[in-house]
Amino acid sequence: MHYLVLILIFPSLILTYMNIGRNHPLISIINRWIRWVLFSSVAAVLVSQLDWSNKPEWLLFCVFFGGWFLIESIYSWLSIRMLNYSNFPIFLTFRECSYSNWWPNQKKYIHLKRQLDHAGFTKLQTLQSPITETVSIFSVVFENEEKNIGLQVFFIPISSSSISHFYIFQSKTVEGKLLITDNLKIPFGGYYPEDWLLQRKPLISTWNKLLNLHENIIRREGHKCMEWTETPLENINREQQELRRINFFAGFLIPPHLQDTYGRISAEGRYRIWKEMWLLKYTGRCLSL
C-alpha cells in the first residue's frame, strides 16, 4: 500500500499541473480516479501505522474507498436539494443580448472566433439568459455557409473571472427531426423529445471534431437537412418550452401546485440528476439518450 501511495502522488501532481487553464475533460476524469484511490490508500496507511485498527490495509482501503463515494454522494444530494428549492432556472429563457457584439475578450476565444470565421460560420444572434441580477448565460449563434447547420457557442460563468464554454450543433431534417451534437457536461437527468436525435460527447473539447461527428451522422443516415425558418431566439426558446413540457408529463417535474412543499423536481428526477452527475464526473458519459 505504501508503494501505491508513492506511485500515485506524482501522476496526480503532474496531471493537475497539466490541466491548469485547460480543464481537459479526460485529464480531469483520470485525475479524479487517481485522487480517489490516493485518498483511500493514504487513509488506510495512516490508520494502520497509528495502530487505530488491527484490520488489514486492503480492508481499510475498501472502507475509505466507500467513504469517499458516500461523502461525494452527500455533497451531490445537497447540491441537488439546493437546486430543487431554489429559483435557479432548470429550463432557460433567452432574450436578445443588448450587446450584439458580445464575445469574451480572452486570447483563446478570439482565436476561436477567427477559426469559425475561417470555416465559413456566420454569426446570427447573441442571446442571454439572466440567472441572477448580475449573472447571465450567453449563447452566440452561428450558421454554416449552406445554412443547414446551426452552432451555439454556449458560455457559462464559473466565477467572476472564469468562463466555461460548450458547443451545440443542430440541423433540422425535412422529416421534422432535430439532429443535435454537443459536448455539454452539465448534469440534466431529464428526458428529451422522441424526434430529437441527440449525440452528447462531453469528452470532446474541440468544435471541429464535434462538427465532423454531426456531419457524419447526416451522411450515414442519409438525412436531408433544411434551412432554418425561425430566428435563433425563437428556435431556442421553443426548444426549452418543449423540454419543459416533455419533462412535466414524464414525471421529472412536480406539478406547480405542489412545488412549494416538495420542490420542483420529483424523487425520480433527483435520482437521475445524481446518477448523471456521477457518470459525467467519473466516466465522461451521460444517461442513455
C-alpha atoms as a PDB file:
ATOM      1  CA  MET A   1       0.000   0.000   0.000  1.00  0.00           C
ATOM      2  CA  HIS A   2       2.928   2.340   0.721  1.00  0.00           C
ATOM      3  CA  TYR A   3       4.219   1.841  -2.808  1.00  0.00           C
ATOM      4  CA  LEU A   4       0.781   2.595  -4.239  1.00  0.00           C
ATOM      5  CA  VAL A   5       0.799   5.962  -2.465  1.00  0.00           C
ATOM      6  CA  LEU A   6       4.232   6.825  -3.844  1.00  0.00           C
ATOM      7  CA  ILE A   7       3.269   5.689  -7.344  1.00  0.00           C
ATOM      8  CA  LEU A   8       0.101   7.815  -7.441  1.00  0.00           C
ATOM      9  CA  ILE A   9       1.305  11.075  -5.880  1.00  0.00           C
ATOM     10  CA  PHE A  10       3.473  12.163  -8.792  1.00  0.00           C
ATOM     11  CA  PRO A  11       0.984  11.408 -11.623  1.00  0.00           C
ATOM     12  CA  SER A  12      -1.678  13.350  -9.728  1.00  0.00           C
ATOM     13  CA  LEU A  13       0.603  16.376  -9.328  1.00  0.00           C
ATOM     14  CA  ILE A  14       1.667  16.212 -12.982  1.00  0.00           C
ATOM     15  CA  LEU A  15      -1.913  15.917 -14.267  1.00  0.00           C
ATOM     16  CA  THR A  16      -3.046  18.769 -12.025  1.00  0.00           C
ATOM     17  CA  TYR A  17      -0.278  20.988 -13.372  1.00  0.00           C
ATOM     18  CA  MET A  18      -1.006  19.963 -16.980  1.00  0.00           C
ATOM     19  CA  ASN A  19      -4.689  20.814 -16.602  1.00  0.00           C
ATOM     20  CA  ILE A  20      -4.257  24.320 -15.172  1.00  0.00           C
ATOM     21  CA  GLY A  21      -6.066  26.678 -17.510  1.00  0.00           C
ATOM     22  CA  ARG A  22      -7.081  23.810 -19.845  1.00  0.00           C
ATOM     23  CA  ASN A  23      -9.679  21.840 -17.880  1.00  0.00           C
ATOM     24  CA  HIS A  24      -9.433  18.977 -20.354  1.00  0.00           C
ATOM     25  CA  PRO A  25     -12.287  16.570 -19.525  1.00  0.00           C
ATOM     26  CA  LEU A  26     -10.330  13.319 -19.940  1.00  0.00           C
ATOM     27  CA  ILE A  27      -7.397  14.538 -17.829  1.00  0.00           C
ATOM     28  CA  SER A  28      -9.859  15.691 -15.155  1.00  0.00           C
ATOM     29  CA  ILE A  29     -11.550  12.280 -15.048  1.00  0.00           C
ATOM     30  CA  ILE A  30      -8.253  10.368 -14.789  1.00  0.00           C
ATOM     31  CA  ASN A  31      -7.071  12.698 -12.026  1.00  0.00           C
ATOM     32  CA  ARG A  32     -10.319  12.254 -10.076  1.00  0.00           C
ATOM     33  CA  TRP A  33      -9.853   8.464 -10.087  1.00  0.00           C
ATOM     34  CA  ILE A  34      -6.215   8.838  -9.011  1.00  0.00           C
ATOM     35  CA  ARG A  35      -7.208  11.172  -6.147  1.00  0.00           C
ATOM     36  CA  TRP A  36      -9.944   8.758  -5.061  1.00  0.00           C
ATOM     37  CA  VAL A  37      -7.507   5.825  -4.904  1.00  0.00           C
ATOM     38  CA  LEU A  38      -4.789   8.017  -3.360  1.00  0.00           C
ATOM     39  CA  PHE A  39      -7.088   9.263  -0.602  1.00  0.00           C
ATOM     40  CA  SER A  40      -8.171   5.705   0.229  1.00  0.00           C
ATOM     41  CA  SER A  41      -4.567   4.461   0.252  1.00  0.00           C
ATOM     42  CA  VAL A  42      -3.203   7.299   2.420  1.00  0.00           C
ATOM     43  CA  ALA A  43      -6.061   6.965   4.918  1.00  0.00           C
ATOM     44  CA  ALA A  44      -5.584   3.179   5.127  1.00  0.00           C
ATOM     45  CA  VAL A  45      -1.815   3.522   5.683  1.00  0.00           C
ATOM     46  CA  LEU A  46      -2.256   6.219   8.359  1.00  0.00           C
ATOM     47  CA  VAL A  47      -4.853   4.245  10.303  1.00  0.00           C
ATOM     48  CA  SER A  48      -2.686   1.135  10.127  1.00  0.00           C
ATOM     49  CA  GLN A  49       0.566   2.901  11.088  1.00  0.00           C
ATOM     50  CA  LEU A  50      -1.066   4.728  14.008  1.00  0.00           C
ATOM     51  CA  ASP A  51      -2.500   1.418  15.303  1.00  0.00           C
ATOM     52  CA  TRP A  52      -6.026   2.780  15.259  1.00  0.00           C
ATOM     53  CA  SER A  53      -7.195  -0.517  13.790  1.00  0.00           C
ATOM     54  CA  ASN A  54      -5.832  -4.046  13.527  1.00  0.00           C
ATOM     55  CA  LYS A  55      -7.663  -4.702  10.270  1.00  0.00           C
ATOM     56  CA  PRO A  56      -5.573  -5.410   7.151  1.00  0.00           C
ATOM     57  CA  GLU A  57      -4.717  -2.424   4.977  1.00  0.00           C
ATOM     58  CA  TRP A  58      -6.629  -3.773   1.974  1.00  0.00           C
ATOM     59  CA  LEU A  59      -9.824  -3.855   4.060  1.00  0.00           C
ATOM     60  CA  LEU A  60      -9.211  -0.342   5.370  1.00  0.00           C
ATOM     61  CA  PHE A  61      -8.636   0.759   1.776  1.00  0.00           C
ATOM     62  CA  CYS A  62     -12.063  -0.614   0.775  1.00  0.00           C
ATOM     63  CA  VAL A  63     -13.714   1.156   3.722  1.00  0.00           C
ATOM     64  CA  PHE A  64     -12.204   4.536   2.833  1.00  0.00           C
ATOM     65  CA  PHE A  65     -12.904   3.967  -0.856  1.00  0.00           C
ATOM     66  CA  GLY A  66     -16.588   3.543   0.004  1.00  0.00           C
ATOM     67  CA  GLY A  67     -16.370   6.519   2.380  1.00  0.00           C
ATOM     68  CA  TRP A  68     -15.228   8.778  -0.464  1.00  0.00           C
ATOM     69  CA  PHE A  69     -18.232   7.631  -2.501  1.00  0.00           C
ATOM     70  CA  LEU A  70     -20.550   8.354   0.431  1.00  0.00           C
ATOM     71  CA  ILE A  71     -19.117  11.835   1.075  1.00  0.00           C
ATOM     72  CA  GLU A  72     -19.300  12.811  -2.598  1.00  0.00           C
ATOM     73  CA  SER A  73     -22.859  11.468  -2.808  1.00  0.00           C
ATOM     74  CA  ILE A  74     -23.924  13.535   0.211  1.00  0.00           C
ATOM     75  CA  TYR A  75     -22.377  16.628  -1.357  1.00  0.00           C
ATOM     76  CA  SER A  76     -24.165  15.882  -4.669  1.00  0.00           C
ATOM     77  CA  TRP A  77     -27.514  15.360  -2.964  1.00  0.00           C
ATOM     78  CA  LEU A  78     -27.133  18.648  -1.048  1.00  0.00           C
ATOM     79  CA  SER A  79     -26.434  20.427  -4.353  1.00  0.00           C
ATOM     80  CA  ILE A  80     -29.500  18.816  -5.946  1.00  0.00           C
ATOM     81  CA  ARG A  81     -31.634  19.769  -2.946  1.00  0.00           C
ATOM     82  CA  MET A  82     -30.488  23.389  -3.234  1.00  0.00           C
ATOM     83  CA  LEU A  83     -31.396  23.365  -6.939  1.00  0.00           C
ATOM     84  CA  ASN A  84     -34.753  21.772  -6.172  1.00  0.00           C
ATOM     85  CA  TYR A  85     -35.842  24.527  -3.788  1.00  0.00           C
ATOM     86  CA  SER A  86     -34.029  27.447  -5.443  1.00  0.00           C
ATOM     87  CA  ASN A  87     -35.170  29.914  -8.088  1.00  0.00           C
ATOM     88  CA  PHE A  88     -32.355  28.837 -10.409  1.00  0.00           C
ATOM     89  CA  PRO A  89     -33.990  28.103 -13.786  1.00  0.00           C
ATOM     90  CA  ILE A  90     -33.996  24.442 -14.842  1.00  0.00           C
ATOM     91  CA  PHE A  91     -35.097  25.413 -18.344  1.00  0.00           C
ATOM     92  CA  LEU A  92     -33.669  28.658 -19.642  1.00  0.00           C
ATOM     93  CA  THR A  93     -35.482  31.573 -21.227  1.00  0.00           C
ATOM     94  CA  PHE A  94     -33.339  33.614 -23.599  1.00  0.00           C
ATOM     95  CA  ARG A  95     -33.611  37.151 -24.869  1.00  0.00           C
ATOM     96  CA  GLU A  96     -31.582  39.079 -27.401  1.00  0.00           C
ATOM     97  CA  CYS A  97     -28.428  40.481 -25.853  1.00  0.00           C
ATOM     98  CA  SER A  98     -28.259  44.262 -25.710  1.00  0.00           C
ATOM     99  CA  TYR A  99     -24.564  43.977 -26.613  1.00  0.00           C
ATOM    100  CA  SER A 100     -24.843  42.446 -30.072  1.00  0.00           C
ATOM    101  CA  ASN A 101     -21.054  42.138 -30.423  1.00  0.00           C
ATOM    102  CA  TRP A 102     -20.597  40.413 -27.058  1.00  0.00           C
ATOM    103  CA  TRP A 103     -17.713  37.937 -27.060  1.00  0.00           C
ATOM    104  CA  PRO A 104     -15.213  37.045 -24.305  1.00  0.00           C
ATOM    105  CA  ASN A 105     -12.104  39.173 -24.574  1.00  0.00           C
ATOM    106  CA  GLN A 106      -9.648  36.346 -23.985  1.00  0.00           C
ATOM    107  CA  LYS A 107      -6.940  35.056 -26.301  1.00  0.00           C
ATOM    108  CA  LYS A 108      -8.410  31.564 -26.725  1.00  0.00           C
ATOM    109  CA  TYR A 109     -11.872  32.925 -27.554  1.00  0.00           C
ATOM    110  CA  ILE A 110     -10.519  35.452 -30.023  1.00  0.00           C
ATOM    111  CA  HIS A 111      -8.694  32.562 -31.709  1.00  0.00           C
ATOM    112  CA  LEU A 112     -11.926  30.507 -31.669  1.00  0.00           C
ATOM    113  CA  LYS A 113     -13.837  33.338 -33.362  1.00  0.00           C
ATOM    114  CA  ARG A 114     -11.225  33.524 -36.114  1.00  0.00           C
ATOM    115  CA  GLN A 115     -11.417  29.753 -36.625  1.00  0.00           C
ATOM    116  CA  LEU A 116     -15.199  29.880 -37.039  1.00  0.00           C
ATOM    117  CA  ASP A 117     -14.968  32.781 -39.468  1.00  0.00           C
ATOM    118  CA  HIS A 118     -12.352  30.899 -41.499  1.00  0.00           C
ATOM    119  CA  ALA A 119     -14.573  27.776 -41.551  1.00  0.00           C
ATOM    120  CA  GLY A 120     -17.453  29.771 -43.069  1.00  0.00           C
ATOM    121  CA  PHE A 121     -19.658  30.159 -39.999  1.00  0.00           C
ATOM    122  CA  THR A 122     -21.604  33.429 -39.883  1.00  0.00           C
ATOM    123  CA  LYS A 123     -22.855  34.904 -36.615  1.00  0.00           C
ATOM    124  CA  LEU A 124     -26.624  35.337 -36.465  1.00  0.00           C
ATOM    125  CA  GLN A 125     -27.504  36.475 -32.947  1.00  0.00           C
ATOM    126  CA  THR A 126     -26.137  36.900 -29.440  1.00  0.00           C
ATOM    127  CA  LEU A 127     -28.569  35.738 -26.766  1.00  0.00           C
ATOM    128  CA  GLN A 128     -28.512  35.840 -22.998  1.00  0.00           C
ATOM    129  CA  SER A 129     -30.445  34.182 -20.218  1.00  0.00           C
ATOM    130  CA  PRO A 130     -30.276  36.035 -16.866  1.00  0.00           C
ATOM    131  CA  ILE A 131     -29.639  33.733 -13.903  1.00  0.00           C
ATOM    132  CA  THR A 132     -29.370  36.434 -11.262  1.00  0.00           C
ATOM    133  CA  GLU A 133     -29.356  40.225 -11.415  1.00  0.00           C
ATOM    134  CA  THR A 134     -25.651  40.245 -12.235  1.00  0.00           C
ATOM    135  CA  VAL A 135     -25.007  36.815 -13.844  1.00  0.00           C
ATOM    136  CA  SER A 136     -26.170  35.632 -17.278  1.00  0.00           C
ATOM    137  CA  ILE A 137     -25.610  32.650 -19.548  1.00  0.00           C
ATOM    138  CA  PHE A 138     -24.755  33.675 -23.103  1.00  0.00           C
ATOM    139  CA  SER A 139     -25.335  31.826 -26.354  1.00  0.00           C
ATOM    140  CA  VAL A 140     -23.739  33.122 -29.551  1.00  0.00           C
ATOM    141  CA  VAL A 141     -25.426  31.528 -32.564  1.00  0.00           C
ATOM    142  CA  PHE A 142     -23.754  30.867 -35.930  1.00  0.00           C
ATOM    143  CA  GLU A 143     -24.735  29.067 -39.130  1.00  0.00           C
ATOM    144  CA  ASN A 144     -22.640  27.430 -41.861  1.00  0.00           C
ATOM    145  CA  GLU A 145     -22.452  28.559 -45.474  1.00  0.00           C
ATOM    146  CA  GLU A 146     -25.167  26.077 -46.569  1.00  0.00           C
ATOM    147  CA  LYS A 147     -27.441  27.423 -43.801  1.00  0.00           C
ATOM    148  CA  ASN A 148     -28.385  23.873 -42.707  1.00  0.00           C
ATOM    149  CA  ILE A 149     -26.141  23.541 -39.623  1.00  0.00           C
ATOM    150  CA  GLY A 150     -26.502  25.889 -36.693  1.00  0.00           C
ATOM    151  CA  LEU A 151     -23.914  26.285 -33.966  1.00  0.00           C
ATOM    152  CA  GLN A 152     -24.432  27.632 -30.480  1.00  0.00           C
ATOM    153  CA  VAL A 153     -21.317  28.565 -28.545  1.00  0.00           C
ATOM    154  CA  PHE A 154     -22.654  28.328 -25.025  1.00  0.00           C
ATOM    155  CA  PHE A 155     -20.893  30.433 -22.337  1.00  0.00           C
ATOM    156  CA  ILE A 156     -21.461  29.687 -18.653  1.00  0.00           C
ATOM    157  CA  PRO A 157     -19.789  31.820 -15.940  1.00  0.00           C
ATOM    158  CA  ILE A 158     -17.833  29.781 -13.404  1.00  0.00           C
ATOM    159  CA  SER A 159     -16.572  32.698 -11.333  1.00  0.00           C
ATOM    160  CA  SER A 160     -16.134  36.440 -11.709  1.00  0.00           C
ATOM    161  CA  SER A 161     -13.038  35.853 -13.854  1.00  0.00           C
ATOM    162  CA  SER A 162     -13.659  32.437 -15.415  1.00  0.00           C
ATOM    163  CA  ILE A 163     -15.992  31.232 -18.180  1.00  0.00           C
ATOM    164  CA  SER A 164     -16.711  27.698 -19.365  1.00  0.00           C
ATOM    165  CA  HIS A 165     -17.942  27.140 -22.914  1.00  0.00           C
ATOM    166  CA  PHE A 166     -19.622  24.344 -24.868  1.00  0.00           C
ATOM    167  CA  TYR A 167     -20.645  23.714 -28.482  1.00  0.00           C
ATOM    168  CA  ILE A 168     -24.094  22.694 -29.726  1.00  0.00           C
ATOM    169  CA  PHE A 169     -24.536  21.796 -33.415  1.00  0.00           C
ATOM    170  CA  GLN A 170     -28.105  21.471 -34.747  1.00  0.00           C
ATOM    171  CA  SER A 171     -29.738  20.527 -38.035  1.00  0.00           C
ATOM    172  CA  LYS A 172     -33.396  20.114 -38.905  1.00  0.00           C
ATOM    173  CA  THR A 173     -34.370  17.370 -41.356  1.00  0.00           C
ATOM    174  CA  VAL A 174     -37.157  17.564 -43.935  1.00  0.00           C
ATOM    175  CA  GLU A 175     -38.926  14.830 -41.913  1.00  0.00           C
ATOM    176  CA  GLY A 176     -39.087  17.173 -38.926  1.00  0.00           C
ATOM    177  CA  LYS A 177     -36.367  15.540 -36.820  1.00  0.00           C
ATOM    178  CA  LEU A 178     -33.840  17.610 -34.918  1.00  0.00           C
ATOM    179  CA  LEU A 179     -30.227  16.431 -35.069  1.00  0.00           C
ATOM    180  CA  ILE A 180     -28.111  17.668 -32.145  1.00  0.00           C
ATOM    181  CA  THR A 181     -24.437  17.058 -31.449  1.00  0.00           C
ATOM    182  CA  ASP A 182     -22.955  18.753 -28.392  1.00  0.00           C
ATOM    183  CA  ASN A 183     -20.320  18.410 -25.689  1.00  0.00           C
ATOM    184  CA  LEU A 184     -22.352  19.673 -22.748  1.00  0.00           C
ATOM    185  CA  LYS A 185     -21.214  18.212 -19.442  1.00  0.00           C
ATOM    186  CA  ILE A 186     -23.892  19.802 -17.291  1.00  0.00           C
ATOM    187  CA  PRO A 187     -25.950  17.141 -15.473  1.00  0.00           C
ATOM    188  CA  PHE A 188     -29.567  17.382 -16.606  1.00  0.00           C
ATOM    189  CA  GLY A 189     -31.069  13.962 -15.904  1.00  0.00           C
ATOM    190  CA  GLY A 190     -34.288  14.731 -17.743  1.00  0.00           C
ATOM    191  CA  TYR A 191     -35.963  13.404 -20.868  1.00  0.00           C
ATOM    192  CA  TYR A 192     -35.808  14.512 -24.495  1.00  0.00           C
ATOM    193  CA  PRO A 193     -38.459  14.532 -27.256  1.00  0.00           C
ATOM    194  CA  GLU A 194     -38.561  11.391 -29.411  1.00  0.00           C
ATOM    195  CA  ASP A 195     -37.866  13.357 -32.594  1.00  0.00           C
ATOM    196  CA  TRP A 196     -34.577  14.675 -31.191  1.00  0.00           C
ATOM    197  CA  LEU A 197     -31.568  12.642 -32.356  1.00  0.00           C
ATOM    198  CA  LEU A 198     -29.045  13.699 -29.743  1.00  0.00           C
ATOM    199  CA  GLN A 199     -25.339  12.860 -29.602  1.00  0.00           C
ATOM    200  CA  ARG A 200     -23.731  14.089 -26.381  1.00  0.00           C
ATOM    201  CA  LYS A 201     -19.919  13.847 -26.297  1.00  0.00           C
ATOM    202  CA  PRO A 202     -18.604  15.520 -23.115  1.00  0.00           C
ATOM    203  CA  LEU A 203     -15.063  14.211 -23.697  1.00  0.00           C
ATOM    204  CA  ILE A 204     -14.673  16.097 -26.984  1.00  0.00           C
ATOM    205  CA  SER A 205     -13.412  19.597 -26.335  1.00  0.00           C
ATOM    206  CA  THR A 206     -12.911  20.930 -29.889  1.00  0.00           C
ATOM    207  CA  TRP A 207     -15.656  22.258 -32.149  1.00  0.00           C
ATOM    208  CA  ASN A 208     -14.243  20.787 -35.392  1.00  0.00           C
ATOM    209  CA  LYS A 209     -14.349  17.189 -34.064  1.00  0.00           C
ATOM    210  CA  LEU A 210     -17.957  17.709 -32.973  1.00  0.00           C
ATOM    211  CA  LEU A 211     -18.795  19.138 -36.387  1.00  0.00           C
ATOM    212  CA  ASN A 212     -17.277  16.067 -38.072  1.00  0.00           C
ATOM    213  CA  LEU A 213     -19.441  13.808 -35.896  1.00  0.00           C
ATOM    214  CA  HIS A 214     -22.509  15.859 -36.729  1.00  0.00           C
ATOM    215  CA  GLU A 215     -21.832  15.752 -40.475  1.00  0.00           C
ATOM    216  CA  ASN A 216     -21.059  12.022 -40.334  1.00  0.00           C
ATOM    217  CA  ILE A 217     -24.446  11.141 -38.876  1.00  0.00           C
ATOM    218  CA  ILE A 218     -26.147  13.275 -41.545  1.00  0.00           C
ATOM    219  CA  ARG A 219     -24.301  11.373 -44.286  1.00  0.00           C
ATOM    220  CA  ARG A 220     -24.545   7.944 -42.652  1.00  0.00           C
ATOM    221  CA  GLU A 221     -28.289   8.137 -42.017  1.00  0.00           C
ATOM    222  CA  GLY A 222     -28.979   9.877 -45.322  1.00  0.00           C
ATOM    223  CA  HIS A 223     -30.723  12.834 -43.724  1.00  0.00           C
ATOM    224  CA  LYS A 224     -31.722  15.792 -45.870  1.00  0.00           C
ATOM    225  CA  CYS A 225     -31.418  18.972 -43.868  1.00  0.00           C
ATOM    226  CA  MET A 226     -33.306  22.183 -44.477  1.00  0.00           C
ATOM    227  CA  GLU A 227     -32.618  25.834 -43.812  1.00  0.00           C
ATOM    228  CA  TRP A 228     -33.845  27.325 -40.559  1.00  0.00           C
ATOM    229  CA  THR A 229     -37.072  29.313 -40.879  1.00  0.00           C
ATOM    230  CA  GLU A 230     -37.087  30.673 -37.314  1.00  0.00           C
ATOM    231  CA  THR A 231     -34.736  33.140 -35.729  1.00  0.00           C
ATOM    232  CA  PRO A 232     -32.270  31.611 -33.239  1.00  0.00           C
ATOM    233  CA  LEU A 233     -34.134  33.297 -30.367  1.00  0.00           C
ATOM    234  CA  GLU A 234     -37.475  31.784 -31.418  1.00  0.00           C
ATOM    235  CA  ASN A 235     -35.915  28.376 -32.013  1.00  0.00           C
ATOM    236  CA  ILE A 236     -34.017  28.121 -28.715  1.00  0.00           C
ATOM    237  CA  ASN A 237     -36.947  29.300 -26.558  1.00  0.00           C
ATOM    238  CA  ARG A 238     -39.315  26.920 -28.367  1.00  0.00           C
ATOM    239  CA  GLU A 239     -36.912  24.025 -27.665  1.00  0.00           C
ATOM    240  CA  GLN A 240     -36.718  24.958 -23.971  1.00  0.00           C
ATOM    241  CA  GLN A 241     -40.518  25.079 -23.756  1.00  0.00           C
ATOM    242  CA  GLU A 242     -40.722  21.660 -25.423  1.00  0.00           C
ATOM    243  CA  LEU A 243     -38.209  20.232 -22.944  1.00  0.00           C
ATOM    244  CA  ARG A 244     -40.248  21.656 -20.054  1.00  0.00           C
ATOM    245  CA  ARG A 245     -43.454  20.130 -21.419  1.00  0.00           C
ATOM    246  CA  ILE A 246     -41.895  16.699 -22.054  1.00  0.00           C
ATOM    247  CA  ASN A 247     -40.348  16.528 -18.587  1.00  0.00           C
ATOM    248  CA  PHE A 248     -43.564  17.559 -16.881  1.00  0.00           C
ATOM    249  CA  PHE A 249     -45.534  14.733 -18.496  1.00  0.00           C
ATOM    250  CA  ALA A 250     -42.650  12.260 -17.978  1.00  0.00           C
ATOM    251  CA  GLY A 251     -42.744  12.879 -14.231  1.00  0.00           C
ATOM    252  CA  PHE A 252     -39.378  14.606 -13.977  1.00  0.00           C
ATOM    253  CA  LEU A 253     -41.045  17.800 -12.725  1.00  0.00           C
ATOM    254  CA  ILE A 254     -43.536  18.129  -9.877  1.00  0.00           C
ATOM    255  CA  PRO A 255     -46.914  19.806 -10.629  1.00  0.00           C
ATOM    256  CA  PRO A 256     -46.787  23.567  -9.898  1.00  0.00           C
ATOM    257  CA  HIS A 257     -49.360  23.450  -7.058  1.00  0.00           C
ATOM    258  CA  LEU A 258     -47.115  21.016  -5.100  1.00  0.00           C
ATOM    259  CA  GLN A 259     -43.783  22.713  -5.694  1.00  0.00           C
ATOM    260  CA  ASP A 260     -43.914  24.922  -2.577  1.00  0.00           C
ATOM    261  CA  THR A 261     -43.997  21.746  -0.473  1.00  0.00           C
ATOM    262  CA  TYR A 262     -41.904  19.237  -2.448  1.00  0.00           C
ATOM    263  CA  GLY A 263     -39.718  21.428  -4.639  1.00  0.00           C
ATOM    264  CA  ARG A 264     -39.670  21.429  -8.431  1.00  0.00           C
ATOM    265  CA  ILE A 265     -38.068  18.058  -9.230  1.00  0.00           C
ATOM    266  CA  SER A 266     -39.573  14.651  -8.469  1.00  0.00           C
ATOM    267  CA  ALA A 267     -37.743  11.932  -6.498  1.00  0.00           C
ATOM    268  CA  GLU A 268     -37.059  10.064  -9.754  1.00  0.00           C
ATOM    269  CA  GLY A 269     -35.763  13.250 -11.341  1.00  0.00           C
ATOM    270  CA  ARG A 270     -33.413  13.936  -8.428  1.00  0.00           C
ATOM    271  CA  TYR A 271     -32.063  10.384  -8.645  1.00  0.00           C
ATOM    272  CA  ARG A 272     -31.486  10.762 -12.385  1.00  0.00           C
ATOM    273  CA  ILE A 273     -29.578  14.023 -11.834  1.00  0.00           C
ATOM    274  CA  TRP A 274     -27.417  12.371  -9.135  1.00  0.00           C
ATOM    275  CA  LYS A 275     -26.707   9.421 -11.411  1.00  0.00           C
ATOM    276  CA  GLU A 276     -25.751  11.670 -14.317  1.00  0.00           C
ATOM    277  CA  MET A 277     -23.503  13.770 -12.063  1.00  0.00           C
ATOM    278  CA  TRP A 278     -21.544  10.613 -11.216  1.00  0.00           C
ATOM    279  CA  LEU A 279     -21.410   9.388 -14.792  1.00  0.00           C
ATOM    280  CA  LEU A 280     -20.138  12.736 -16.074  1.00  0.00           C
ATOM    281  CA  LYS A 281     -17.620  13.188 -13.278  1.00  0.00           C
ATOM    282  CA  TYR A 282     -16.038   9.736 -13.375  1.00  0.00           C
ATOM    283  CA  THR A 283     -16.765   8.314 -16.855  1.00  0.00           C
ATOM    284  CA  GLY A 284     -17.494  11.316 -19.082  1.00  0.00           C
ATOM    285  CA  ARG A 285     -20.805   9.759 -20.119  1.00  0.00           C
ATOM    286  CA  CYS A 286     -24.424  10.867 -19.800  1.00  0.00           C
ATOM    287  CA  LEU A 287     -27.561   8.886 -19.101  1.00  0.00           C
ATOM    288  CA  SER A 288     -28.706   6.828 -22.067  1.00  0.00           C
ATOM    289  CA  LEU A 289     -30.278   9.189 -24.570  1.00  0.00           C
END
